[in-house]
PDB file of N, CA and C in Angstrom:
ATOM      1  N   UNK A   1     110.843  21.130 267.727  1.00  0.00           N
ATOM      2  CA  UNK A   1     109.931  21.902 266.886  1.00  0.00           C
ATOM      3  C   UNK A   1     108.586  21.187 266.750  1.00  0.00           C
ATOM      4  N   UNK A   2     108.606  19.876 266.600  1.00  0.00           N
ATOM      5  CA  UNK A   2     107.361  19.128 266.430  1.00  0.00           C
ATOM      6  C   UNK A   2     106.523  19.158 267.716  1.00  0.00           C
ATOM      7  N   UNK A   3     107.189  19.113 268.880  1.00  0.00           N
ATOM      8  CA  UNK A   3     106.469  19.171 270.150  1.00  0.00           C
ATOM      9  C   UNK A   3     105.770  20.496 270.345  1.00  0.00           C
ATOM     10  N   UNK A   4     106.398  21.564 269.859  1.00  0.00           N
ATOM     11  CA  UNK A   4     105.813  22.895 269.975  1.00  0.00           C
ATOM     12  C   UNK A   4     104.550  23.011 269.111  1.00  0.00           C
ATOM     13  N   UNK A   5     104.595  22.481 267.916  1.00  0.00           N
ATOM     14  CA  UNK A   5     103.415  22.506 267.041  1.00  0.00           C
ATOM     15  C   UNK A   5     102.300  21.634 267.608  1.00  0.00           C
ATOM     16  N   UNK A   6     102.660  20.519 268.213  1.00  0.00           N
ATOM     17  CA  UNK A   6     101.665  19.648 268.828  1.00  0.00           C
ATOM     18  C   UNK A   6     100.993  20.355 270.008  1.00  0.00           C
ATOM     19  N   UNK A   7     101.787  21.060 270.806  1.00  0.00           N
ATOM     20  CA  UNK A   7     101.239  21.822 271.935  1.00  0.00           C
ATOM     21  C   UNK A   7     100.298  22.917 271.448  1.00  0.00           C
ATOM     22  N   UNK A   8     100.711  23.649 270.405  1.00  0.00           N
ATOM     23  CA  UNK A   8      99.857  24.707 269.848  1.00  0.00           C
ATOM     24  C   UNK A   8      98.541  24.138 269.331  1.00  0.00           C
ATOM     25  N   UNK A   9      98.606  23.016 268.649  1.00  0.00           N
ATOM     26  CA  UNK A   9      97.390  22.378 268.128  1.00  0.00           C
ATOM     27  C   UNK A   9      96.479  21.933 269.265  1.00  0.00           C
ATOM     28  N   UNK A  10      97.062  21.371 270.303  1.00  0.00           N
ATOM     29  CA  UNK A  10      96.283  20.921 271.455  1.00  0.00           C
ATOM     30  C   UNK A  10      95.590  22.103 272.132  1.00  0.00           C
ATOM     31  N   UNK A  11      96.307  23.205 272.325  1.00  0.00           N
ATOM     32  CA  UNK A  11      95.719  24.396 272.949  1.00  0.00           C
ATOM     33  C   UNK A  11      94.610  24.974 272.065  1.00  0.00           C
ATOM     34  N   UNK A  12      94.825  24.999 270.750  1.00  0.00           N
ATOM     35  CA  UNK A  12      93.797  25.522 269.847  1.00  0.00           C
ATOM     36  C   UNK A  12      92.533  24.665 269.867  1.00  0.00           C
ATOM     37  N   UNK A  13      92.691  23.352 269.940  1.00  0.00           N
ATOM     38  CA  UNK A  13      91.528  22.471 270.028  1.00  0.00           C
ATOM     39  C   UNK A  13      90.778  22.727 271.333  1.00  0.00           C
ATOM     40  N   UNK A  14      91.524  22.873 272.430  1.00  0.00           N
ATOM     41  CA  UNK A  14      90.881  23.177 273.708  1.00  0.00           C
ATOM     42  C   UNK A  14      90.186  24.535 273.684  1.00  0.00           C
ATOM     43  N   UNK A  15      90.773  25.495 272.974  1.00  0.00           N
ATOM     44  CA  UNK A  15      90.141  26.813 272.844  1.00  0.00           C
ATOM     45  C   UNK A  15      88.791  26.720 272.140  1.00  0.00           C
ATOM     46  N   UNK A  16      88.745  25.968 271.063  1.00  0.00           N
ATOM     47  CA  UNK A  16      87.486  25.809 270.324  1.00  0.00           C
ATOM     48  C   UNK A  16      86.449  25.099 271.194  1.00  0.00           C
ATOM     49  N   UNK A  17      86.868  24.068 271.912  1.00  0.00           N
ATOM     50  CA  UNK A  17      85.944  23.347 272.795  1.00  0.00           C
ATOM     51  C   UNK A  17      85.427  24.262 273.899  1.00  0.00           C
ATOM     52  N   UNK A  18      86.317  25.055 274.491  1.00  0.00           N
ATOM     53  CA  UNK A  18      85.897  25.973 275.558  1.00  0.00           C
ATOM     54  C   UNK A  18      84.951  27.042 275.023  1.00  0.00           C
ATOM     55  N   UNK A  19      85.230  27.573 273.835  1.00  0.00           N
ATOM     56  CA  UNK A  19      84.365  28.603 273.257  1.00  0.00           C
ATOM     57  C   UNK A  19      82.976  28.056 272.956  1.00  0.00           C
ATOM     58  N   UNK A  20      82.919  26.890 272.345  1.00  0.00           N
ATOM     59  CA  UNK A  20      81.619  26.283 272.047  1.00  0.00           C
ATOM     60  C   UNK A  20      80.874  25.894 273.316  1.00  0.00           C
ATOM     61  N   UNK A  21      81.603  25.430 274.319  1.00  0.00           N
ATOM     62  CA  UNK A  21      80.972  25.073 275.588  1.00  0.00           C
ATOM     63  C   UNK A  21      80.391  26.309 276.275  1.00  0.00           C
ATOM     64  N   UNK A  22      81.130  27.403 276.265  1.00  0.00           N
ATOM     65  CA  UNK A  22      80.632  28.632 276.900  1.00  0.00           C
ATOM     66  C   UNK A  22      79.356  29.117 276.224  1.00  0.00           C
ATOM     67  N   UNK A  23      79.240  28.887 274.932  1.00  0.00           N
ATOM     68  CA  UNK A  23      78.028  29.288 274.217  1.00  0.00           C
ATOM     69  C   UNK A  23      76.865  28.332 274.459  1.00  0.00           C
ATOM     70  N   UNK A  24      77.148  27.049 274.627  1.00  0.00           N
ATOM     71  CA  UNK A  24      76.091  26.043 274.729  1.00  0.00           C
ATOM     72  C   UNK A  24      75.561  25.837 276.144  1.00  0.00           C
ATOM     73  N   UNK A  25      76.373  26.128 277.160  1.00  0.00           N
ATOM     74  CA  UNK A  25      75.961  25.890 278.541  1.00  0.00           C
ATOM     75  C   UNK A  25      74.858  26.878 278.914  1.00  0.00           C
ATOM     76  N   UNK A  26      73.790  26.358 279.519  1.00  0.00           N
ATOM     77  CA  UNK A  26      72.653  27.202 279.863  1.00  0.00           C
ATOM     78  C   UNK A  26      72.796  27.837 281.240  1.00  0.00           C
ATOM     79  N   UNK A  27      73.602  27.255 282.121  1.00  0.00           N
ATOM     80  CA  UNK A  27      73.822  27.815 283.449  1.00  0.00           C
ATOM     81  C   UNK A  27      74.824  28.967 283.353  1.00  0.00           C
ATOM     82  N   UNK A  28      74.431  30.144 283.829  1.00  0.00           N
ATOM     83  CA  UNK A  28      75.273  31.327 283.690  1.00  0.00           C
ATOM     84  C   UNK A  28      76.586  31.214 284.448  1.00  0.00           C
ATOM     85  N   UNK A  29      76.556  30.658 285.648  1.00  0.00           N
ATOM     86  CA  UNK A  29      77.771  30.540 286.445  1.00  0.00           C
ATOM     87  C   UNK A  29      78.769  29.596 285.781  1.00  0.00           C
ATOM     88  N   UNK A  30      78.293  28.470 285.294  1.00  0.00           N
ATOM     89  CA  UNK A  30      79.174  27.526 284.597  1.00  0.00           C
ATOM     90  C   UNK A  30      79.743  28.145 283.327  1.00  0.00           C
ATOM     91  N   UNK A  31      78.928  28.890 282.632  1.00  0.00           N
ATOM     92  CA  UNK A  31      79.390  29.557 281.417  1.00  0.00           C
ATOM     93  C   UNK A  31      80.471  30.590 281.724  1.00  0.00           C
ATOM     94  N   UNK A  32      80.327  31.331 282.823  1.00  0.00           N
ATOM     95  CA  UNK A  32      81.348  32.305 283.219  1.00  0.00           C
ATOM     96  C   UNK A  32      82.663  31.614 283.574  1.00  0.00           C
ATOM     97  N   UNK A  33      82.578  30.471 284.229  1.00  0.00           N
ATOM     98  CA  UNK A  33      83.789  29.722 284.578  1.00  0.00           C
ATOM     99  C   UNK A  33      84.473  29.191 283.322  1.00  0.00           C
ATOM    100  N   UNK A  34      83.696  28.682 282.377  1.00  0.00           N
ATOM    101  CA  UNK A  34      84.273  28.189 281.122  1.00  0.00           C
ATOM    102  C   UNK A  34      84.900  29.342 280.341  1.00  0.00           C
ATOM    103  N   UNK A  35      84.291  30.520 280.403  1.00  0.00           N
ATOM    104  CA  UNK A  35      84.889  31.690 279.767  1.00  0.00           C
ATOM    105  C   UNK A  35      86.235  32.039 280.402  1.00  0.00           C
ATOM    106  N   UNK A  36      86.335  31.872 281.717  1.00  0.00           N
ATOM    107  CA  UNK A  36      87.610  32.074 282.401  1.00  0.00           C
ATOM    108  C   UNK A  36      88.656  31.065 281.952  1.00  0.00           C
ATOM    109  N   UNK A  37      88.237  29.831 281.738  1.00  0.00           N
ATOM    110  CA  UNK A  37      89.143  28.798 281.222  1.00  0.00           C
ATOM    111  C   UNK A  37      89.606  29.163 279.815  1.00  0.00           C
ATOM    112  N   UNK A  38      88.688  29.667 279.009  1.00  0.00           N
ATOM    113  CA  UNK A  38      89.041  30.109 277.657  1.00  0.00           C
ATOM    114  C   UNK A  38      90.108  31.209 277.707  1.00  0.00           C
ATOM    115  N   UNK A  39      89.929  32.175 278.598  1.00  0.00           N
ATOM    116  CA  UNK A  39      90.899  33.257 278.714  1.00  0.00           C
ATOM    117  C   UNK A  39      92.255  32.741 279.188  1.00  0.00           C
ATOM    118  N   UNK A  40      92.230  31.770 280.108  1.00  0.00           N
ATOM    119  CA  UNK A  40      93.490  31.196 280.575  1.00  0.00           C
ATOM    120  C   UNK A  40      94.200  30.438 279.453  1.00  0.00           C
ATOM    121  N   UNK A  41      93.441  29.721 278.629  1.00  0.00           N
ATOM    122  CA  UNK A  41      94.048  29.023 277.489  1.00  0.00           C
ATOM    123  C   UNK A  41      94.637  30.015 276.488  1.00  0.00           C
ATOM    124  N   UNK A  42      93.952  31.144 276.289  1.00  0.00           N
ATOM    125  CA  UNK A  42      94.517  32.184 275.429  1.00  0.00           C
ATOM    126  C   UNK A  42      95.809  32.729 276.017  1.00  0.00           C
ATOM    127  N   UNK A  43      95.845  32.860 277.327  1.00  0.00           N
ATOM    128  CA  UNK A  43      97.067  33.308 278.007  1.00  0.00           C
ATOM    129  C   UNK A  43      98.211  32.337 277.737  1.00  0.00           C
ATOM    130  N   UNK A  44      97.942  31.041 277.831  1.00  0.00           N
ATOM    131  CA  UNK A  44      98.981  30.044 277.534  1.00  0.00           C
ATOM    132  C   UNK A  44      99.457  30.150 276.097  1.00  0.00           C
ATOM    133  N   UNK A  45      98.529  30.343 275.188  1.00  0.00           N
ATOM    134  CA  UNK A  45      98.890  30.434 273.774  1.00  0.00           C
ATOM    135  C   UNK A  45      99.733  31.672 273.499  1.00  0.00           C
ATOM    136  N   UNK A  46      99.355  32.821 274.071  1.00  0.00           N
ATOM    137  CA  UNK A  46     100.149  34.041 273.889  1.00  0.00           C
ATOM    138  C   UNK A  46     101.550  33.865 274.466  1.00  0.00           C
ATOM    139  N   UNK A  47     101.644  33.269 275.640  1.00  0.00           N
ATOM    140  CA  UNK A  47     102.956  33.073 276.266  1.00  0.00           C
ATOM    141  C   UNK A  47     103.818  32.134 275.439  1.00  0.00           C
ATOM    142  N   UNK A  48     103.222  31.106 274.885  1.00  0.00           N
ATOM    143  CA  UNK A  48     103.973  30.149 274.074  1.00  0.00           C
ATOM    144  C   UNK A  48     104.465  30.782 272.777  1.00  0.00           C
ATOM    145  N   UNK A  49     103.721  31.760 272.262  1.00  0.00           N
ATOM    146  CA  UNK A  49     104.132  32.443 271.041  1.00  0.00           C
ATOM    147  C   UNK A  49     105.158  33.544 271.309  1.00  0.00           C
ATOM    148  N   UNK A  50     105.461  33.792 272.582  1.00  0.00           N
ATOM    149  CA  UNK A  50     106.486  34.762 272.913  1.00  0.00           C
ATOM    150  C   UNK A  50     105.977  36.141 273.253  1.00  0.00           C
ATOM    151  N   UNK A  51     104.683  36.331 273.250  1.00  0.00           N
ATOM    152  CA  UNK A  51     104.107  37.637 273.586  1.00  0.00           C
ATOM    153  C   UNK A  51     103.752  37.645 275.075  1.00  0.00           C
ATOM    154  N   UNK A  52     104.779  37.748 275.906  1.00  0.00           N
ATOM    155  CA  UNK A  52     104.590  37.618 277.347  1.00  0.00           C
ATOM    156  C   UNK A  52     103.767  38.771 277.910  1.00  0.00           C
ATOM    157  N   UNK A  53     103.938  39.973 277.383  1.00  0.00           N
ATOM    158  CA  UNK A  53     103.162  41.111 277.878  1.00  0.00           C
ATOM    159  C   UNK A  53     101.677  40.947 277.569  1.00  0.00           C
ATOM    160  N   UNK A  54     101.378  40.451 276.396  1.00  0.00           N
ATOM    161  CA  UNK A  54      99.972  40.200 276.033  1.00  0.00           C
ATOM    162  C   UNK A  54      99.412  39.058 276.876  1.00  0.00           C
ATOM    163  N   UNK A  55     100.231  38.035 277.126  1.00  0.00           N
ATOM    164  CA  UNK A  55      99.794  36.907 277.957  1.00  0.00           C
ATOM    165  C   UNK A  55      99.487  37.364 279.376  1.00  0.00           C
ATOM    166  N   UNK A  56     100.337  38.228 279.919  1.00  0.00           N
ATOM    167  CA  UNK A  56     100.109  38.735 281.267  1.00  0.00           C
ATOM    168  C   UNK A  56      98.826  39.565 281.328  1.00  0.00           C
ATOM    169  N   UNK A  57      98.603  40.388 280.331  1.00  0.00           N
ATOM    170  CA  UNK A  57      97.382  41.193 280.288  1.00  0.00           C
ATOM    171  C   UNK A  57      96.150  40.304 280.155  1.00  0.00           C
ATOM    172  N   UNK A  58      96.232  39.279 279.327  1.00  0.00           N
ATOM    173  CA  UNK A  58      95.117  38.336 279.164  1.00  0.00           C
ATOM    174  C   UNK A  58      94.828  37.601 280.468  1.00  0.00           C
ATOM    175  N   UNK A  59      95.883  37.238 281.185  1.00  0.00           N
ATOM    176  CA  UNK A  59      95.695  36.528 282.448  1.00  0.00           C
ATOM    177  C   UNK A  59      95.032  37.417 283.495  1.00  0.00           C
ATOM    178  N   UNK A  60      95.475  38.659 283.595  1.00  0.00           N
ATOM    179  CA  UNK A  60      94.913  39.530 284.631  1.00  0.00           C
ATOM    180  C   UNK A  60      93.523  40.037 284.280  1.00  0.00           C
ATOM    181  N   UNK A  61      93.354  40.497 283.050  1.00  0.00           N
ATOM    182  CA  UNK A  61      92.061  41.086 282.671  1.00  0.00           C
ATOM    183  C   UNK A  61      91.075  40.004 282.240  1.00  0.00           C
ATOM    184  N   UNK A  62      91.499  39.134 281.331  1.00  0.00           N
ATOM    185  CA  UNK A  62      90.586  38.129 280.786  1.00  0.00           C
ATOM    186  C   UNK A  62      90.208  37.055 281.775  1.00  0.00           C
ATOM    187  N   UNK A  63      91.222  36.362 282.309  1.00  0.00           N
ATOM    188  CA  UNK A  63      90.937  35.243 283.212  1.00  0.00           C
ATOM    189  C   UNK A  63      90.660  35.710 284.632  1.00  0.00           C
ATOM    190  N   UNK A  64      91.197  36.840 285.017  1.00  0.00           N
ATOM    191  CA  UNK A  64      91.035  37.298 286.389  1.00  0.00           C
ATOM    192  C   UNK A  64      89.871  38.221 286.608  1.00  0.00           C
ATOM    193  N   UNK A  65      90.008  39.457 286.188  1.00  0.00           N
ATOM    194  CA  UNK A  65      89.029  40.503 286.493  1.00  0.00           C
ATOM    195  C   UNK A  65      87.675  40.216 285.837  1.00  0.00           C
ATOM    196  N   UNK A  66      87.675  39.857 284.562  1.00  0.00           N
ATOM    197  CA  UNK A  66      86.399  39.621 283.860  1.00  0.00           C
ATOM    198  C   UNK A  66      85.610  38.482 284.489  1.00  0.00           C
ATOM    199  N   UNK A  67      86.287  37.406 284.847  1.00  0.00           N
ATOM    200  CA  UNK A  67      85.594  36.274 285.459  1.00  0.00           C
ATOM    201  C   UNK A  67      85.006  36.666 286.809  1.00  0.00           C
ATOM    202  N   UNK A  68      85.750  37.404 287.595  1.00  0.00           N
ATOM    203  CA  UNK A  68      85.247  37.862 288.902  1.00  0.00           C
ATOM    204  C   UNK A  68      84.043  38.781 288.718  1.00  0.00           C
ATOM    205  N   UNK A  69      84.102  39.680 287.745  1.00  0.00           N
ATOM    206  CA  UNK A  69      82.976  40.587 287.496  1.00  0.00           C
ATOM    207  C   UNK A  69      81.752  39.804 287.019  1.00  0.00           C
ATOM    208  N   UNK A  70      81.952  38.829 286.132  1.00  0.00           N
ATOM    209  CA  UNK A  70      80.827  38.003 285.668  1.00  0.00           C
ATOM    210  C   UNK A  70      80.180  37.249 286.827  1.00  0.00           C
ATOM    211  N   UNK A  71      80.992  36.614 287.663  1.00  0.00           N
ATOM    212  CA  UNK A  71      80.456  35.831 288.780  1.00  0.00           C
ATOM    213  C   UNK A  71      79.743  36.751 289.777  1.00  0.00           C
ATOM    214  N   UNK A  72      80.320  37.905 290.076  1.00  0.00           N
ATOM    215  CA  UNK A  72      79.675  38.841 290.993  1.00  0.00           C
ATOM    216  C   UNK A  72      78.347  39.334 290.428  1.00  0.00           C
ATOM    217  N   UNK A  73      78.309  39.588 289.141  1.00  0.00           N
ATOM    218  CA  UNK A  73      77.066  40.028 288.509  1.00  0.00           C
ATOM    219  C   UNK A  73      76.014  38.938 288.558  1.00  0.00           C
ATOM    220  N   UNK A  74      76.412  37.707 288.308  1.00  0.00           N
ATOM    221  CA  UNK A  74      75.462  36.591 288.334  1.00  0.00           C
ATOM    222  C   UNK A  74      74.879  36.420 289.730  1.00  0.00           C
ATOM    223  N   UNK A  75      75.715  36.551 290.757  1.00  0.00           N
ATOM    224  CA  UNK A  75      75.204  36.409 292.120  1.00  0.00           C
ATOM    225  C   UNK A  75      74.301  37.561 292.532  1.00  0.00           C
ATOM    226  N   UNK A  76      74.401  38.695 291.871  1.00  0.00           N
ATOM    227  CA  UNK A  76      73.552  39.842 292.199  1.00  0.00           C
ATOM    228  C   UNK A  76      72.291  39.922 291.348  1.00  0.00           C
ATOM    229  N   UNK A  77      72.106  38.995 290.408  1.00  0.00           N
ATOM    230  CA  UNK A  77      70.900  38.993 289.579  1.00  0.00           C
ATOM    231  C   UNK A  77      69.701  38.512 290.374  1.00  0.00           C
ATOM    232  N   UNK A  78      68.565  39.095 290.073  1.00  0.00           N
ATOM    233  CA  UNK A  78      67.300  38.641 290.659  1.00  0.00           C
ATOM    234  C   UNK A  78      66.543  37.890 289.575  1.00  0.00           C
ATOM    235  N   UNK A  79      66.202  36.633 289.848  1.00  0.00           N
ATOM    236  CA  UNK A  79      65.477  35.827 288.859  1.00  0.00           C
ATOM    237  C   UNK A  79      63.981  36.023 289.049  1.00  0.00           C
ATOM    238  N   UNK A  80      63.291  36.229 287.929  1.00  0.00           N
ATOM    239  CA  UNK A  80      61.831  36.418 287.979  1.00  0.00           C
ATOM    240  C   UNK A  80      61.104  35.089 287.915  1.00  0.00           C
ATOM    241  N   UNK A  81      61.692  34.110 287.233  1.00  0.00           N
ATOM    242  CA  UNK A  81      61.043  32.805 287.144  1.00  0.00           C
ATOM    243  C   UNK A  81      62.043  31.724 287.548  1.00  0.00           C
ATOM    244  N   UNK A  82      61.547  30.543 287.783  1.00  0.00           N
ATOM    245  CA  UNK A  82      62.419  29.464 288.250  1.00  0.00           C
ATOM    246  C   UNK A  82      62.723  28.451 287.152  1.00  0.00           C
ATOM    247  N   UNK A  83      62.547  28.810 285.888  1.00  0.00           N
ATOM    248  CA  UNK A  83      62.798  27.854 284.806  1.00  0.00           C
ATOM    249  C   UNK A  83      64.196  27.826 284.369  1.00  0.00           C
TER     250      UNK A  83
END
């Protein structure tokens, strides 16, 4: 029981770090990748809590499809300035 609470606490700390990092990073591609990591950590947390269907949905939509769409959009952007 204590190991499970320690794992949950560790995942929650990583979630907060990933969320703050995604907000603070100025590079769009890096931010999209960190957002994918955040979604994967949420998937782990849902699976650990026993909500396997929600974890599977989070993994496919959150960590998978959304990250691919973000990266594809970033590569298709036209930059007006080089700053």
